[in-house]
Amino acid sequence: MEGMILRPVQQPTLVPNMAAPQEQKQSVLLPVIIPSTNTSLVPARKPLPFIEANTSEVTIDHLKRECIIPVFSKDNEETIAHQSFIETIYEAACEMFRGERIDAPAVRVSHIVKGRIPEAIHKPASQLLDSEKTIYYERMMFCFEIPSIYQDVAGNRLNLTIGGVRAYNQENLYAKKTAEKFKLFIGFKNLVCCNLCVSTDGYKACLKAMDTMNLYQSAIDMFRSYDMAKHLSQMSAYQDYKMSESQFAQFLGKCRMYQYLPNAEKKALPELLLTDTQVSTVANTYFTDFNFNSDSKTREITLWRLYNLLTGANKTSYIDNFLDRAQNAGELTTGLCRALEGDAEYSWFLS
């Protein structure tokens, strides 16, 4: 935007001067509402998608106008709609990061649930009109960037990014309304590959809320507790560690073995959430990835590059597993750094 100076993260402050909300918030109308005169809402770029497996891109307008909202069948209480979740988190971000440039959310969905209106109950499916069909999506993930807060790591620009996941398959819609489950993160997106970088303190794996007000306050609390400088420092440090080809091969072999270990042995080791297929993808991209492959002569690979191979392989995850595996990729890479220094916790993966 004209007059906007993009600035890198140096000494970020994530706690604005704001009073705690006192009443129920109205949903932000994303196409038209701008939180302050210094905040611009610009269309999301369309590079590589942040998640690929079994997902489709949709708009918030589509969710509002063309999708029904599931209810809890015992009391007919409505669930928090996907679009309400997105708008609430976006509103919290606008409040938390006043004056920053905030992009519009990118939304991806999967597992469509189809239905029909009562008037068309006896019609053959082939004769249904569009107006007689109903749909909603069982799983939805969104994210939006704050490109005025960024940092460079190994020549890769990382933009501050916020997003969340809603999966109705994790709710009991046949019961009465209870607190609903959401996943929320604040971290960074690598603009080279659109991989998402998620840290422990920037991720809520099971955020429960009865309404959008609960969601709003939980988001604000998480944004405040997120240590941006620590997360960036941790990722930047990955550049200082390297694996030899034999160490990488050992790591891949142990990852494949991990899935078949006896439960007692597996519980004694750090968690690994990548699937066998994703481990195979990491092996392939070690040689073929244009941005993060190993050195063509020595076959050494920095752990920054390995981290991006892990997060790149994670893009084939289903929506409801994506953020857990993204966080696990960061924990695994940090653990491997310690193992290369002699720490015992993750040494099994290299020994």
Protein backbone atom coordinates (compact mmCIF):
# COMPACT_ATOMS: atom_id res chain seq x y z
CA MET A 1 0.00 0.00 0.00
CA GLU A 2 1.26 3.48 -0.82
CA GLY A 3 3.12 5.01 2.08
CA MET A 4 3.50 1.67 3.88
CA ILE A 5 7.04 0.72 4.90
CA LEU A 6 7.47 -2.99 5.49
CA ARG A 7 9.73 -3.65 8.42
CA PRO A 8 11.52 -6.72 9.69
CA VAL A 9 11.07 -8.06 13.19
CA GLN A 10 13.71 -6.77 15.56
CA GLN A 11 12.34 -6.31 19.04
CA PRO A 12 8.68 -7.25 18.60
CA THR A 13 6.10 -6.20 21.14
CA LEU A 14 2.92 -8.22 21.08
CA VAL A 15 0.93 -6.53 23.84
CA PRO A 16 -0.99 -3.46 22.66
CA ASN A 17 -2.71 -0.97 24.90
CA MET A 18 -6.21 -2.34 24.93
CA ALA A 19 -8.94 -2.93 27.42
CA ALA A 20 -10.44 -6.38 27.83
CA PRO A 21 -13.65 -6.69 25.84
CA GLN A 22 -16.76 -6.16 27.92
CA GLU A 23 -19.49 -7.35 25.60
CA GLN A 24 -20.18 -9.72 22.73
CA LYS A 25 -18.27 -8.71 19.60
CA GLN A 26 -19.96 -8.34 16.23
CA SER A 27 -18.44 -10.39 13.40
CA VAL A 28 -16.04 -8.44 11.21
CA LEU A 29 -17.26 -8.14 7.63
CA LEU A 30 -13.97 -8.97 6.01
CA PRO A 31 -14.46 -7.36 2.59
CA VAL A 32 -15.29 -3.92 3.95
CA ILE A 33 -14.31 -3.39 7.59
CA ILE A 34 -10.81 -2.05 8.27
CA PRO A 35 -9.74 -1.95 11.93
CA SER A 36 -7.94 1.40 11.80
CA THR A 37 -6.84 4.06 9.36
CA ASN A 38 -3.36 2.54 9.24
CA THR A 39 -4.44 -1.05 8.61
CA SER A 40 -5.12 -2.13 5.05
CA LEU A 41 -6.99 -5.20 3.93
CA VAL A 42 -5.60 -6.44 0.66
CA PRO A 43 -6.47 -9.53 -1.35
CA ALA A 44 -4.52 -12.64 -0.40
CA ARG A 45 -1.80 -13.64 -2.83
CA LYS A 46 -2.21 -16.93 -4.65
CA PRO A 47 1.13 -18.71 -4.55
CA LEU A 48 1.40 -22.36 -3.56
CA PRO A 49 -1.38 -23.38 -1.15
CA PHE A 50 -0.43 -23.74 2.50
CA ILE A 51 -2.08 -27.18 2.52
CA GLU A 52 -2.68 -29.46 -0.43
CA ALA A 53 -4.18 -32.84 0.44
CA ASN A 54 -7.83 -33.27 -0.42
CA THR A 55 -8.65 -29.56 -0.05
CA SER A 56 -10.32 -26.89 -2.14
CA GLU A 57 -10.05 -23.12 -1.92
CA VAL A 58 -13.27 -21.28 -1.04
CA THR A 59 -14.25 -17.75 -0.12
CA ILE A 60 -15.85 -16.52 3.06
CA ASP A 61 -18.75 -15.28 0.96
CA HIS A 62 -19.31 -18.84 -0.26
CA LEU A 63 -19.39 -20.09 3.34
CA LYS A 64 -21.91 -17.42 4.26
CA ARG A 65 -24.25 -17.64 1.28
CA GLU A 66 -24.09 -21.23 0.09
CA CYS A 67 -23.43 -23.37 3.16
CA ILE A 68 -25.72 -24.38 5.98
CA ILE A 69 -24.64 -24.33 9.63
CA PRO A 70 -24.73 -27.69 11.46
CA VAL A 71 -26.55 -27.88 14.79
CA PHE A 72 -26.37 -30.04 17.90
CA SER A 73 -29.28 -32.39 17.28
CA LYS A 74 -30.39 -32.88 20.90
CA ASP A 75 -31.25 -29.21 21.46
CA ASN A 76 -31.03 -27.75 17.91
CA GLU A 77 -28.42 -25.22 19.09
CA GLU A 78 -26.28 -23.98 16.23
CA THR A 79 -22.55 -24.55 16.09
CA ILE A 80 -20.09 -21.71 15.62
CA ALA A 81 -19.98 -21.37 11.85
CA HIS A 82 -16.70 -21.56 9.95
CA GLN A 83 -17.04 -17.96 8.81
CA SER A 84 -17.72 -16.78 12.37
CA PHE A 85 -14.54 -18.50 13.54
CA ILE A 86 -12.49 -16.85 10.79
CA GLU A 87 -13.98 -13.38 11.35
CA THR A 88 -13.52 -13.58 15.13
CA ILE A 89 -9.82 -14.49 14.87
CA TYR A 90 -9.31 -11.84 12.20
CA GLU A 91 -10.93 -9.24 14.45
CA ALA A 92 -8.69 -10.27 17.37
CA ALA A 93 -5.62 -9.94 15.12
CA CYS A 94 -6.71 -6.49 13.95
CA GLU A 95 -7.04 -5.41 17.57
CA MET A 96 -3.77 -6.97 18.64
CA PHE A 97 -1.72 -5.69 15.71
CA ARG A 98 -3.19 -2.25 15.20
CA GLY A 99 -1.45 -0.26 12.51
CA GLU A 100 -0.05 -3.32 10.77
CA ARG A 101 -0.94 -4.45 7.28
CA ILE A 102 -3.13 -7.55 7.46
CA ASP A 103 -3.99 -9.64 4.41
CA ALA A 104 -7.38 -11.20 3.80
CA PRO A 105 -7.73 -14.83 4.94
CA ALA A 106 -7.10 -17.72 2.57
CA VAL A 107 -9.58 -20.53 3.27
CA ARG A 108 -9.40 -24.20 2.32
CA VAL A 109 -11.99 -26.88 3.02
CA SER A 110 -12.45 -30.63 2.70
CA HIS A 111 -14.94 -33.44 3.33
CA ILE A 112 -18.08 -31.88 1.90
CA VAL A 113 -21.36 -32.99 3.52
CA LYS A 114 -24.29 -32.89 1.12
CA GLY A 115 -28.00 -32.69 1.82
CA ARG A 116 -31.27 -31.45 0.36
CA ILE A 117 -34.19 -29.28 1.39
CA PRO A 118 -37.39 -31.03 2.61
CA GLU A 119 -39.32 -30.14 -0.54
CA ALA A 120 -36.90 -32.24 -2.61
CA ILE A 121 -36.86 -35.28 -0.36
CA HIS A 122 -38.35 -37.62 -2.97
CA LYS A 123 -36.47 -36.35 -6.02
CA PRO A 124 -33.81 -38.50 -7.69
CA ALA A 125 -30.35 -37.04 -7.11
CA SER A 126 -29.87 -36.47 -10.83
CA GLN A 127 -32.92 -34.18 -10.93
CA LEU A 128 -32.04 -31.98 -7.97
CA LEU A 129 -31.79 -28.26 -8.68
CA ASP A 130 -28.94 -26.28 -7.17
CA SER A 131 -31.47 -24.43 -5.03
CA GLU A 132 -32.61 -27.76 -3.56
CA LYS A 133 -29.17 -28.90 -2.46
CA THR A 134 -27.49 -28.10 0.85
CA ILE A 135 -23.81 -28.41 1.73
CA TYR A 136 -21.37 -27.74 4.47
CA TYR A 137 -17.72 -28.69 4.96
CA GLU A 138 -16.69 -31.00 7.74
CA ARG A 139 -13.17 -29.55 7.89
CA MET A 140 -11.87 -26.05 7.28
CA MET A 141 -8.52 -24.32 7.65
CA PHE A 142 -7.68 -20.67 7.14
CA CYS A 143 -4.67 -18.43 7.54
CA PHE A 144 -3.79 -14.81 6.86
CA GLU A 145 -0.47 -13.02 6.80
CA ILE A 146 0.68 -9.83 8.49
CA PRO A 147 3.34 -8.95 5.90
CA SER A 148 4.49 -5.79 7.67
CA ILE A 149 5.98 -8.04 10.38
CA TYR A 150 8.59 -10.32 8.85
CA GLN A 151 12.12 -11.65 9.11
CA ASP A 152 14.66 -13.15 6.74
CA VAL A 153 16.12 -16.59 7.50
CA ALA A 154 18.69 -18.04 5.09
CA GLY A 155 17.41 -15.81 2.31
CA ASN A 156 13.79 -16.87 2.91
CA ARG A 157 11.30 -14.21 3.88
CA LEU A 158 9.05 -15.28 6.75
CA ASN A 159 5.82 -13.34 7.26
CA LEU A 160 3.95 -13.41 10.55
CA THR A 161 0.89 -15.58 9.96
CA ILE A 162 -2.22 -16.43 11.95
CA GLY A 163 -4.66 -19.23 11.25
CA GLY A 164 -6.91 -21.93 12.58
CA VAL A 165 -8.63 -25.23 11.97
CA ARG A 166 -12.21 -26.32 12.53
CA ALA A 167 -13.14 -30.01 12.16
CA TYR A 168 -16.74 -31.00 12.85
CA ASN A 169 -15.67 -34.66 12.98
CA GLN A 170 -14.20 -33.83 16.40
CA GLU A 171 -17.60 -32.71 17.73
CA ASN A 172 -20.49 -34.89 18.90
CA LEU A 173 -23.26 -33.26 16.88
CA TYR A 174 -25.75 -35.89 18.07
CA ALA A 175 -25.62 -34.56 21.64
CA LYS A 176 -26.52 -31.26 23.32
CA LYS A 177 -24.40 -28.19 22.72
CA THR A 178 -21.15 -28.14 24.65
CA ALA A 179 -17.91 -26.18 24.31
CA GLU A 180 -16.71 -26.57 20.72
CA LYS A 181 -13.15 -27.46 19.71
CA PHE A 182 -10.88 -25.34 17.54
CA LYS A 183 -7.18 -25.20 16.69
CA LEU A 184 -5.42 -21.86 16.52
CA PHE A 185 -1.87 -20.80 15.73
CA ILE A 186 0.34 -17.78 15.31
CA GLY A 187 3.68 -18.32 13.62
CA PHE A 188 5.36 -17.65 10.29
CA LYS A 189 4.90 -18.56 6.65
CA ASN A 190 7.93 -19.15 4.47
CA LEU A 191 7.11 -17.23 1.29
CA VAL A 192 9.49 -19.35 -0.79
CA CYS A 193 7.34 -22.44 -0.37
CA CYS A 194 4.32 -21.32 1.71
CA ASN A 195 5.29 -23.80 4.44
CA LEU A 196 3.88 -22.86 7.84
CA CYS A 197 6.23 -22.64 10.82
CA VAL A 198 4.41 -23.40 14.08
CA SER A 199 5.91 -23.29 17.58
CA THR A 200 4.65 -24.69 20.86
CA ASP A 201 3.74 -21.37 22.48
CA GLY A 202 2.06 -20.20 19.27
CA TYR A 203 -0.32 -23.12 18.99
CA LYS A 204 -3.49 -24.17 20.79
CA ALA A 205 -4.25 -27.75 19.82
CA CYS A 206 -7.62 -27.85 21.59
CA LEU A 207 -9.13 -24.44 22.16
CA LYS A 208 -12.63 -24.85 23.57
CA ALA A 209 -15.27 -22.13 23.29
CA MET A 210 -19.00 -21.81 23.77
CA ASP A 211 -19.30 -18.69 21.63
CA THR A 212 -17.30 -16.20 19.57
CA MET A 213 -16.59 -14.07 22.63
CA ASN A 214 -14.69 -16.98 24.19
CA LEU A 215 -12.85 -17.45 20.90
CA TYR A 216 -11.91 -13.79 20.73
CA GLN A 217 -10.48 -13.65 24.24
CA SER A 218 -8.61 -16.94 23.83
CA ALA A 219 -7.03 -15.62 20.63
CA ILE A 220 -5.93 -12.40 22.33
CA ASP A 221 -4.43 -14.38 25.21
CA MET A 222 -2.49 -16.62 22.85
CA PHE A 223 -1.19 -13.70 20.77
CA ARG A 224 0.10 -12.10 23.98
CA SER A 225 1.86 -15.24 25.19
CA TYR A 226 3.57 -15.98 21.85
CA ASP A 227 7.30 -15.27 22.00
CA MET A 228 7.98 -14.16 18.43
CA ALA A 229 11.64 -13.32 18.97
CA LYS A 230 12.35 -16.72 20.52
CA HIS A 231 10.62 -18.54 17.67
CA LEU A 232 12.60 -16.63 15.03
CA SER A 233 15.87 -17.14 16.89
CA GLN A 234 15.19 -20.86 17.11
CA MET A 235 14.53 -21.18 13.38
CA SER A 236 17.52 -19.02 12.50
CA ALA A 237 19.75 -21.31 14.58
CA TYR A 238 18.82 -24.27 12.36
CA GLN A 239 21.23 -22.86 9.77
CA ASP A 240 24.17 -23.55 12.08
CA TYR A 241 23.61 -27.32 12.20
CA LYS A 242 24.33 -29.79 9.42
CA MET A 243 23.67 -33.46 8.82
CA SER A 244 25.93 -35.65 6.73
CA GLU A 245 24.40 -37.96 4.17
CA SER A 246 24.88 -40.96 6.47
CA GLN A 247 23.24 -39.13 9.38
CA PHE A 248 20.32 -38.19 7.15
CA ALA A 249 19.97 -41.80 5.98
CA GLN A 250 20.07 -42.95 9.60
CA PHE A 251 17.40 -40.41 10.49
CA LEU A 252 15.11 -41.57 7.66
CA GLY A 253 15.57 -45.21 8.62
CA LYS A 254 14.70 -44.53 12.25
CA CYS A 255 11.63 -42.55 11.17
CA ARG A 256 10.43 -45.57 9.18
CA MET A 257 11.15 -47.90 12.12
CA TYR A 258 9.37 -45.62 14.57
CA GLN A 259 5.92 -46.52 13.23
CA TYR A 260 6.47 -50.22 14.03
CA LEU A 261 8.11 -50.01 17.43
CA PRO A 262 6.43 -51.77 20.38
CA ASN A 263 4.25 -49.28 22.24
CA ALA A 264 6.45 -49.32 25.35
CA GLU A 265 9.53 -48.37 23.31
CA LYS A 266 7.67 -45.78 21.31
CA LYS A 267 6.36 -44.06 24.45
CA ALA A 268 9.93 -43.73 25.73
CA LEU A 269 10.93 -41.74 22.64
CA PRO A 270 9.97 -38.21 21.52
CA GLU A 271 6.81 -38.12 19.42
CA LEU A 272 7.02 -38.38 15.64
CA LEU A 273 3.81 -37.62 13.74
CA LEU A 274 4.94 -37.77 10.11
CA THR A 275 3.59 -40.75 8.17
CA ASP A 276 5.65 -43.25 6.16
CA THR A 277 4.52 -41.58 2.95
CA GLN A 278 5.67 -38.19 4.21
CA VAL A 279 9.02 -39.63 5.29
CA SER A 280 9.42 -40.95 1.74
CA THR A 281 8.62 -37.47 0.44
CA VAL A 282 11.41 -36.04 2.61
CA ALA A 283 13.80 -38.61 1.12
CA ASN A 284 12.79 -37.61 -2.40
CA THR A 285 13.01 -33.86 -1.83
CA TYR A 286 16.43 -34.26 -0.18
CA PHE A 287 17.66 -34.73 -3.76
CA THR A 288 15.03 -32.88 -5.83
CA ASP A 289 13.68 -29.86 -3.98
CA PHE A 290 14.85 -26.73 -5.78
CA ASN A 291 15.06 -24.58 -2.64
CA PHE A 292 15.93 -27.02 0.14
CA ASN A 293 17.79 -29.97 -1.35
CA SER A 294 21.11 -31.16 0.04
CA ASP A 295 24.47 -29.93 -1.17
CA SER A 296 25.03 -31.58 -4.55
CA LYS A 297 28.69 -32.32 -3.80
CA THR A 298 28.89 -33.22 -0.12
CA ARG A 299 25.22 -34.22 0.35
CA GLU A 300 25.26 -32.36 3.64
CA ILE A 301 22.02 -30.63 4.57
CA THR A 302 21.44 -27.85 7.08
CA LEU A 303 18.69 -28.39 9.59
CA TRP A 304 16.97 -25.28 8.26
CA ARG A 305 16.63 -27.05 4.94
CA LEU A 306 15.60 -30.29 6.62
CA TYR A 307 12.96 -28.41 8.60
CA ASN A 308 11.48 -27.10 5.37
CA LEU A 309 11.52 -30.58 3.85
CA LEU A 310 9.52 -31.76 6.87
CA THR A 311 7.01 -28.92 6.72
CA GLY A 312 6.76 -29.33 2.96
CA ALA A 313 5.92 -33.03 3.33
CA ASN A 314 3.31 -32.06 5.92
CA LYS A 315 1.30 -30.20 3.26
CA THR A 316 -0.14 -33.57 2.24
CA SER A 317 -1.78 -33.98 5.67
CA TYR A 318 -5.52 -33.76 6.14
CA ILE A 319 -6.74 -30.51 7.68
CA ASP A 320 -7.44 -31.95 11.13
CA ASN A 321 -3.85 -33.30 11.47
CA PHE A 322 -1.98 -30.50 9.74
CA LEU A 323 -1.16 -28.16 12.63
CA ASP A 324 -0.19 -30.96 15.03
CA ARG A 325 2.33 -32.24 12.51
CA ALA A 326 3.56 -28.72 11.75
CA GLN A 327 4.34 -28.17 15.41
CA ASN A 328 5.90 -31.63 15.67
CA ALA A 329 8.21 -30.82 12.73
CA GLY A 330 9.60 -27.88 14.68
CA GLU A 331 10.04 -29.90 17.86
CA LEU A 332 11.76 -32.67 15.92
CA THR A 333 14.17 -30.28 14.20
CA THR A 334 15.04 -28.58 17.49
CA GLY A 335 15.59 -32.00 19.05
CA LEU A 336 17.90 -33.03 16.22
CA CYS A 337 19.94 -29.87 16.79
CA ARG A 338 20.40 -30.91 20.40
CA ALA A 339 21.21 -34.49 19.38
CA LEU A 340 24.01 -33.23 17.11
CA GLU A 341 25.42 -31.50 20.20
CA GLY A 342 25.33 -34.73 22.19
CA ASP A 343 21.95 -34.44 23.94
CA ALA A 344 20.44 -37.86 24.60
CA GLU A 345 16.72 -37.18 24.18
CA TYR A 346 16.65 -37.30 20.37
CA SER A 347 19.86 -39.29 19.89
CA TRP A 348 17.88 -42.45 18.96
CA PHE A 349 17.00 -40.83 15.60
CA LEU A 350 20.70 -40.47 14.72
CA SER A 351 22.31 -43.49 16.36
